[in-house]
C-alpha cells in the first residue's frame, strides 16, 4: 500500500485470495475495513478449511473428494 489509506475514512479491498488477509491487516491498521476480517479472508482463501467449517456449521457445501473416481481426474 502507498500510504494513501491513512487519508481515507474507510476502505474495501479487492485482491487475490492469497494477498487479501495481509492487505486487510494493513488496511485495518490505517482506517476502517469495510470488508471481512483478515482471519475470515484467510479462512475463505483455504478452500478445504472453509468447506470443513461450513459442514461443521451445518451449511451445505461440496463434498471433499479423497481420491479420484475411476475414469475421472481430480483436477
PDB file of N, CA and C in Angstrom:
ATOM      1  N   UNK A   1       0.847  -1.164   0.000  1.00  0.00           N
ATOM      2  CA  UNK A   1       0.000   0.000   0.000  1.00  0.00           C
ATOM      3  C   UNK A   1       0.897   1.233   0.000  1.00  0.00           C
ATOM      4  N   UNK A   2       0.368   2.331  -0.460  1.00  0.00           N
ATOM      5  CA  UNK A   2       1.193   3.507  -0.692  1.00  0.00           C
ATOM      6  C   UNK A   2       1.027   4.621   0.335  1.00  0.00           C
ATOM      7  N   UNK A   3       0.347   4.398   1.438  1.00  0.00           N
ATOM      8  CA  UNK A   3       0.178   5.416   2.456  1.00  0.00           C
ATOM      9  C   UNK A   3      -1.078   6.249   2.303  1.00  0.00           C
ATOM     10  N   UNK A   4      -1.724   6.189   1.147  1.00  0.00           N
ATOM     11  CA  UNK A   4      -2.940   6.981   0.929  1.00  0.00           C
ATOM     12  C   UNK A   4      -4.105   6.469   1.755  1.00  0.00           C
ATOM     13  N   UNK A   5      -4.020   5.201   2.218  1.00  0.00           N
ATOM     14  CA  UNK A   5      -5.112   4.658   3.013  1.00  0.00           C
ATOM     15  C   UNK A   5      -5.315   5.443   4.301  1.00  0.00           C
ATOM     16  N   UNK A   6      -4.295   6.128   4.812  1.00  0.00           N
ATOM     17  CA  UNK A   6      -4.446   6.922   6.032  1.00  0.00           C
ATOM     18  C   UNK A   6      -5.308   8.149   5.790  1.00  0.00           C
ATOM     19  N   UNK A   7      -5.468   8.555   4.548  1.00  0.00           N
ATOM     20  CA  UNK A   7      -6.278   9.722   4.212  1.00  0.00           C
ATOM     21  C   UNK A   7      -7.733   9.342   3.944  1.00  0.00           C
ATOM     22  N   UNK A   8      -8.039   8.073   3.953  1.00  0.00           N
ATOM     23  CA  UNK A   8      -9.390   7.592   3.652  1.00  0.00           C
ATOM     24  C   UNK A   8     -10.162   7.333   4.942  1.00  0.00           C
ATOM     25  N   UNK A   9     -11.480   7.562   4.881  1.00  0.00           N
ATOM     26  CA  UNK A   9     -12.341   7.271   6.023  1.00  0.00           C
ATOM     27  C   UNK A   9     -12.541   5.772   6.187  1.00  0.00           C
ATOM     28  N   UNK A  10     -12.545   5.047   5.074  1.00  0.00           N
ATOM     29  CA  UNK A  10     -12.773   3.606   5.090  1.00  0.00           C
ATOM     30  C   UNK A  10     -12.252   3.017   3.780  1.00  0.00           C
ATOM     31  N   UNK A  11     -12.096   1.690   3.763  1.00  0.00           N
ATOM     32  CA  UNK A  11     -11.613   1.036   2.556  1.00  0.00           C
ATOM     33  C   UNK A  11     -12.205  -0.356   2.395  1.00  0.00           C
ATOM     34  N   UNK A  12     -12.281  -0.780   1.157  1.00  0.00           N
ATOM     35  CA  UNK A  12     -12.739  -2.121   0.805  1.00  0.00           C
ATOM     36  C   UNK A  12     -11.756  -2.666  -0.212  1.00  0.00           C
ATOM     37  N   UNK A  13     -11.095  -3.748   0.141  1.00  0.00           N
ATOM     38  CA  UNK A  13     -10.066  -4.321  -0.727  1.00  0.00           C
ATOM     39  C   UNK A  13     -10.625  -5.387  -1.645  1.00  0.00           C
ATOM     40  N   UNK A  14     -10.124  -5.394  -2.850  1.00  0.00           N
ATOM     41  CA  UNK A  14     -10.365  -6.474  -3.800  1.00  0.00           C
ATOM     42  C   UNK A  14      -8.980  -6.928  -4.236  1.00  0.00           C
ATOM     43  N   UNK A  15      -8.648  -8.165  -3.913  1.00  0.00           N
ATOM     44  CA  UNK A  15      -7.304  -8.673  -4.191  1.00  0.00           C
ATOM     45  C   UNK A  15      -7.371 -10.191  -4.318  1.00  0.00           C
ATOM     46  N   UNK A  16      -6.324 -10.797  -4.878  1.00  0.00           N
ATOM     47  CA  UNK A  16      -6.274 -12.260  -4.933  1.00  0.00           C
ATOM     48  C   UNK A  16      -6.337 -12.859  -3.526  1.00  0.00           C
ATOM     49  N   UNK A  17      -6.918 -14.053  -3.425  1.00  0.00           N
ATOM     50  CA  UNK A  17      -7.110 -14.719  -2.133  1.00  0.00           C
ATOM     51  C   UNK A  17      -5.866 -14.711  -1.256  1.00  0.00           C
ATOM     52  N   UNK A  18      -4.734 -15.032  -1.833  1.00  0.00           N
ATOM     53  CA  UNK A  18      -3.504 -15.146  -1.062  1.00  0.00           C
ATOM     54  C   UNK A  18      -3.002 -13.830  -0.497  1.00  0.00           C
ATOM     55  N   UNK A  19      -3.382 -12.720  -1.101  1.00  0.00           N
ATOM     56  CA  UNK A  19      -2.924 -11.406  -0.657  1.00  0.00           C
ATOM     57  C   UNK A  19      -3.901 -10.726   0.300  1.00  0.00           C
ATOM     58  N   UNK A  20      -5.157 -11.108   0.240  1.00  0.00           N
ATOM     59  CA  UNK A  20      -6.206 -10.396   0.956  1.00  0.00           C
ATOM     60  C   UNK A  20      -6.023 -10.355   2.475  1.00  0.00           C
ATOM     61  N   UNK A  21      -5.662 -11.461   3.149  1.00  0.00           N
ATOM     62  CA  UNK A  21      -5.509 -11.371   4.609  1.00  0.00           C
ATOM     63  C   UNK A  21      -4.483 -10.314   5.047  1.00  0.00           C
ATOM     64  N   UNK A  22      -3.324 -10.313   4.438  1.00  0.00           N
ATOM     65  CA  UNK A  22      -2.282  -9.358   4.827  1.00  0.00           C
ATOM     66  C   UNK A  22      -2.681  -7.930   4.468  1.00  0.00           C
ATOM     67  N   UNK A  23      -3.265  -7.727   3.299  1.00  0.00           N
ATOM     68  CA  UNK A  23      -3.677  -6.377   2.914  1.00  0.00           C
ATOM     69  C   UNK A  23      -4.805  -5.874   3.815  1.00  0.00           C
ATOM     70  N   UNK A  24      -5.725  -6.748   4.211  1.00  0.00           N
ATOM     71  CA  UNK A  24      -6.778  -6.347   5.149  1.00  0.00           C
ATOM     72  C   UNK A  24      -6.185  -5.961   6.500  1.00  0.00           C
ATOM     73  N   UNK A  25      -5.147  -6.678   6.929  1.00  0.00           N
ATOM     74  CA  UNK A  25      -4.480  -6.350   8.179  1.00  0.00           C
ATOM     75  C   UNK A  25      -3.897  -4.941   8.120  1.00  0.00           C
ATOM     76  N   UNK A  26      -3.229  -4.637   7.012  1.00  0.00           N
ATOM     77  CA  UNK A  26      -2.639  -3.304   6.824  1.00  0.00           C
ATOM     78  C   UNK A  26      -3.739  -2.248   6.781  1.00  0.00           C
ATOM     79  N   UNK A  27      -4.799  -2.529   6.067  1.00  0.00           N
ATOM     80  CA  UNK A  27      -5.917  -1.587   5.966  1.00  0.00           C
ATOM     81  C   UNK A  27      -6.489  -1.292   7.352  1.00  0.00           C
ATOM     82  N   UNK A  28      -6.707  -2.331   8.157  1.00  0.00           N
ATOM     83  CA  UNK A  28      -7.275  -2.151   9.490  1.00  0.00           C
ATOM     84  C   UNK A  28      -6.363  -1.350  10.414  1.00  0.00           C
ATOM     85  N   UNK A  29      -5.064  -1.374  10.157  1.00  0.00           N
ATOM     86  CA  UNK A  29      -4.131  -0.588  10.963  1.00  0.00           C
ATOM     87  C   UNK A  29      -4.211   0.897  10.627  1.00  0.00           C
ATOM     88  N   UNK A  30      -4.809   1.223   9.463  1.00  0.00           N
ATOM     89  CA  UNK A  30      -4.790   2.599   8.987  1.00  0.00           C
ATOM     90  C   UNK A  30      -6.153   3.258   8.836  1.00  0.00           C
ATOM     91  N   UNK A  31      -7.205   2.474   8.709  1.00  0.00           N
ATOM     92  CA  UNK A  31      -8.538   3.038   8.516  1.00  0.00           C
ATOM     93  C   UNK A  31      -9.580   1.958   8.813  1.00  0.00           C
ATOM     94  N   UNK A  32     -10.832   2.228   8.520  1.00  0.00           N
ATOM     95  CA  UNK A  32     -11.912   1.279   8.760  1.00  0.00           C
ATOM     96  C   UNK A  32     -11.989   0.304   7.586  1.00  0.00           C
ATOM     97  N   UNK A  33     -11.973  -0.969   7.884  1.00  0.00           N
ATOM     98  CA  UNK A  33     -12.077  -2.012   6.861  1.00  0.00           C
ATOM     99  C   UNK A  33     -13.555  -2.329   6.652  1.00  0.00           C
ATOM    100  N   UNK A  34     -14.063  -2.085   5.465  1.00  0.00           N
ATOM    101  CA  UNK A  34     -15.465  -2.360   5.156  1.00  0.00           C
ATOM    102  C   UNK A  34     -15.688  -3.807   4.730  1.00  0.00           C
ATOM    103  N   UNK A  35     -14.619  -4.543   4.528  1.00  0.00           N
ATOM    104  CA  UNK A  35     -14.723  -5.934   4.110  1.00  0.00           C
ATOM    105  C   UNK A  35     -14.616  -6.878   5.293  1.00  0.00           C
ATOM    106  N   UNK A  36     -14.277  -8.104   5.002  1.00  0.00           N
ATOM    107  CA  UNK A  36     -14.162  -9.106   6.060  1.00  0.00           C
ATOM    108  C   UNK A  36     -12.839  -8.944   6.800  1.00  0.00           C
ATOM    109  N   UNK A  37     -12.763  -9.589   7.953  1.00  0.00           N
ATOM    110  CA  UNK A  37     -11.545  -9.528   8.755  1.00  0.00           C
ATOM    111  C   UNK A  37     -10.413 -10.288   8.065  1.00  0.00           C
ATOM    112  N   UNK A  38      -9.167  -9.999   8.430  1.00  0.00           N
ATOM    113  CA  UNK A  38      -8.054 -10.763   7.873  1.00  0.00           C
ATOM    114  C   UNK A  38      -8.186 -12.261   8.147  1.00  0.00           C
ATOM    115  N   UNK A  39      -8.707 -12.611   9.326  1.00  0.00           N
ATOM    116  CA  UNK A  39      -8.873 -14.019   9.679  1.00  0.00           C
ATOM    117  C   UNK A  39      -9.910 -14.692   8.781  1.00  0.00           C
ATOM    118  N   UNK A  40     -11.013 -14.015   8.522  1.00  0.00           N
ATOM    119  CA  UNK A  40     -12.054 -14.560   7.639  1.00  0.00           C
ATOM    120  C   UNK A  40     -11.536 -14.704   6.214  1.00  0.00           C
ATOM    121  N   UNK A  41     -10.775 -13.710   5.763  1.00  0.00           N
ATOM    122  CA  UNK A  41     -10.212 -13.772   4.418  1.00  0.00           C
ATOM    123  C   UNK A  41      -9.267 -14.961   4.286  1.00  0.00           C
ATOM    124  N   UNK A  42      -8.469 -15.218   5.315  1.00  0.00           N
ATOM    125  CA  UNK A  42      -7.539 -16.351   5.284  1.00  0.00           C
ATOM    126  C   UNK A  42      -8.303 -17.666   5.258  1.00  0.00           C
ATOM    127  N   UNK A  43      -9.377 -17.763   6.032  1.00  0.00           N
ATOM    128  CA  UNK A  43     -10.205 -18.975   6.053  1.00  0.00           C
ATOM    129  C   UNK A  43     -10.815 -19.225   4.677  1.00  0.00           C
ATOM    130  N   UNK A  44     -11.379 -18.181   4.094  1.00  0.00           N
ATOM    131  CA  UNK A  44     -12.031 -18.329   2.791  1.00  0.00           C
ATOM    132  C   UNK A  44     -11.035 -18.650   1.679  1.00  0.00           C
ATOM    133  N   UNK A  45      -9.817 -18.185   1.822  1.00  0.00           N
ATOM    134  CA  UNK A  45      -8.794 -18.470   0.815  1.00  0.00           C
ATOM    135  C   UNK A  45      -8.375 -19.934   0.842  1.00  0.00           C
ATOM    136  N   UNK A  46      -8.531 -20.587   1.984  1.00  0.00           N
ATOM    137  CA  UNK A  46      -8.215 -22.006   2.121  1.00  0.00           C
ATOM    138  C   UNK A  46      -9.499 -22.793   1.871  1.00  0.00           C
ATOM    139  N   UNK A  47      -9.707 -23.229   0.657  1.00  0.00           N
ATOM    140  CA  UNK A  47     -10.976 -23.843   0.261  1.00  0.00           C
ATOM    141  C   UNK A  47     -11.300 -25.102   1.065  1.00  0.00           C
ATOM    142  N   UNK A  48     -10.295 -25.897   1.401  1.00  0.00           N
ATOM    143  CA  UNK A  48     -10.530 -27.103   2.200  1.00  0.00           C
ATOM    144  C   UNK A  48     -10.991 -26.728   3.609  1.00  0.00           C
ATOM    145  N   UNK A  49     -10.279 -25.818   4.252  1.00  0.00           N
ATOM    146  CA  UNK A  49     -10.646 -25.371   5.591  1.00  0.00           C
ATOM    147  C   UNK A  49     -12.039 -24.741   5.589  1.00  0.00           C
ATOM    148  N   UNK A  50     -12.316 -23.909   4.611  1.00  0.00           N
ATOM    149  CA  UNK A  50     -13.617 -23.250   4.503  1.00  0.00           C
ATOM    150  C   UNK A  50     -14.739 -24.282   4.365  1.00  0.00           C
ATOM    151  N   UNK A  51     -14.539 -25.285   3.525  1.00  0.00           N
ATOM    152  CA  UNK A  51     -15.539 -26.336   3.334  1.00  0.00           C
ATOM    153  C   UNK A  51     -15.780 -27.088   4.638  1.00  0.00           C
ATOM    154  N   UNK A  52     -14.721 -27.416   5.363  1.00  0.00           N
ATOM    155  CA  UNK A  52     -14.857 -28.130   6.628  1.00  0.00           C
ATOM    156  C   UNK A  52     -15.620 -27.297   7.662  1.00  0.00           C
ATOM    157  N   UNK A  53     -15.341 -26.010   7.732  1.00  0.00           N
ATOM    158  CA  UNK A  53     -16.035 -25.125   8.675  1.00  0.00           C
ATOM    159  C   UNK A  53     -17.516 -25.025   8.328  1.00  0.00           C
ATOM    160  N   UNK A  54     -17.825 -24.884   7.035  1.00  0.00           N
ATOM    161  CA  UNK A  54     -19.226 -24.814   6.611  1.00  0.00           C
ATOM    162  C   UNK A  54     -19.972 -26.082   6.990  1.00  0.00           C
ATOM    163  N   UNK A  55     -19.363 -27.234   6.726  1.00  0.00           N
ATOM    164  CA  UNK A  55     -20.013 -28.512   7.039  1.00  0.00           C
ATOM    165  C   UNK A  55     -20.238 -28.673   8.539  1.00  0.00           C
ATOM    166  N   UNK A  56     -19.261 -28.294   9.356  1.00  0.00           N
ATOM    167  CA  UNK A  56     -19.409 -28.384  10.809  1.00  0.00           C
ATOM    168  C   UNK A  56     -20.529 -27.486  11.312  1.00  0.00           C
ATOM    169  N   UNK A  57     -20.783 -26.389  10.597  1.00  0.00           N
ATOM    170  CA  UNK A  57     -21.847 -25.457  10.980  1.00  0.00           C
ATOM    171  C   UNK A  57     -23.205 -25.879  10.426  1.00  0.00           C
ATOM    172  N   UNK A  58     -23.235 -27.007   9.720  1.00  0.00           N
ATOM    173  CA  UNK A  58     -24.492 -27.496   9.172  1.00  0.00           C
ATOM    174  C   UNK A  58     -24.906 -26.820   7.875  1.00  0.00           C
ATOM    175  N   UNK A  59     -23.975 -26.181   7.221  1.00  0.00           N
ATOM    176  CA  UNK A  59     -24.244 -25.496   5.952  1.00  0.00           C
ATOM    177  C   UNK A  59     -23.829 -26.412   4.809  1.00  0.00           C
ATOM    178  N   UNK A  60     -24.711 -26.578   3.830  1.00  0.00           N
ATOM    179  CA  UNK A  60     -24.387 -27.420   2.680  1.00  0.00           C
ATOM    180  C   UNK A  60     -23.139 -26.900   1.978  1.00  0.00           C
ATOM    181  N   UNK A  61     -22.254 -27.809   1.670  1.00  0.00           N
ATOM    182  CA  UNK A  61     -21.011 -27.478   0.971  1.00  0.00           C
ATOM    183  C   UNK A  61     -20.660 -28.671   0.084  1.00  0.00           C
ATOM    184  N   UNK A  62     -19.873 -28.437  -0.960  1.00  0.00           N
ATOM    185  CA  UNK A  62     -19.476 -29.551  -1.834  1.00  0.00           C
ATOM    186  C   UNK A  62     -18.743 -30.637  -1.050  1.00  0.00           C
ATOM    187  N   UNK A  63     -18.917 -31.870  -1.487  1.00  0.00           N
ATOM    188  CA  UNK A  63     -18.197 -32.986  -0.879  1.00  0.00           C
ATOM    189  C   UNK A  63     -16.703 -32.850  -1.190  1.00  0.00           C
ATOM    190  N   UNK A  64     -15.899 -33.279  -0.272  1.00  0.00           N
ATOM    191  CA  UNK A  64     -14.450 -33.262  -0.463  1.00  0.00           C
ATOM    192  C   UNK A  64     -14.041 -34.629  -0.990  1.00  0.00           C
ATOM    193  N   UNK A  65     -13.446 -34.651  -2.160  1.00  0.00           N
ATOM    194  CA  UNK A  65     -13.011 -35.904  -2.776  1.00  0.00           C
ATOM    195  C   UNK A  65     -11.682 -36.324  -2.164  1.00  0.00           C
ATOM    196  N   UNK A  66     -11.640 -37.530  -1.624  1.00  0.00           N
ATOM    197  CA  UNK A  66     -10.407 -38.057  -1.052  1.00  0.00           C
ATOM    198  C   UNK A  66      -9.478 -38.581  -2.147  1.00  0.00           C
ATOM    199  N   UNK A  67     -10.093 -39.098  -3.222  1.00  0.00           N
ATOM    200  CA  UNK A  67      -9.312 -39.586  -4.359  1.00  0.00           C
ATOM    201  C   UNK A  67     -10.201 -39.529  -5.589  1.00  0.00           C
ATOM    202  N   UNK A  68      -9.570 -39.571  -6.739  1.00  0.00           N
ATOM    203  CA  UNK A  68     -10.331 -39.509  -7.999  1.00  0.00           C
ATOM    204  C   UNK A  68     -11.151 -40.769  -8.193  1.00  0.00           C
ATOM    205  N   UNK A  69     -12.356 -40.606  -8.690  1.00  0.00           N
ATOM    206  CA  UNK A  69     -13.172 -41.762  -9.021  1.00  0.00           C
ATOM    207  C   UNK A  69     -12.653 -42.344 -10.328  1.00  0.00           C
ATOM    208  N   UNK A  70     -12.885 -43.622 -10.519  1.00  0.00           N
ATOM    209  CA  UNK A  70     -12.384 -44.304 -11.704  1.00  0.00           C
ATOM    210  C   UNK A  70     -12.868 -43.574 -12.968  1.00  0.00           C
ATOM    211  N   UNK A  71     -11.920 -43.290 -13.842  1.00  0.00           N
ATOM    212  CA  UNK A  71     -12.234 -42.631 -15.099  1.00  0.00           C
ATOM    213  C   UNK A  71     -12.368 -41.115 -14.987  1.00  0.00           C
ATOM    214  N   UNK A  72     -12.172 -40.561 -13.794  1.00  0.00           N
ATOM    215  CA  UNK A  72     -12.295 -39.116 -13.603  1.00  0.00           C
ATOM    216  C   UNK A  72     -11.001 -38.566 -13.016  1.00  0.00           C
ATOM    217  N   UNK A  73     -10.684 -37.365 -13.387  1.00  0.00           N
ATOM    218  CA  UNK A  73      -9.489 -36.689 -12.887  1.00  0.00           C
ATOM    219  C   UNK A  73      -9.835 -35.880 -11.646  1.00  0.00           C
ATOM    220  N   UNK A  74      -8.901 -35.721 -10.749  1.00  0.00           N
ATOM    221  CA  UNK A  74      -9.125 -34.879  -9.561  1.00  0.00           C
ATOM    222  C   UNK A  74      -9.121 -33.408  -9.960  1.00  0.00           C
ATOM    223  N   UNK A  75      -8.544 -33.068 -11.088  1.00  0.00           N
ATOM    224  CA  UNK A  75      -8.419 -31.654 -11.452  1.00  0.00           C
ATOM    225  C   UNK A  75      -9.112 -31.382 -12.740  1.00  0.00           C
TER     226      UNK A  75
END
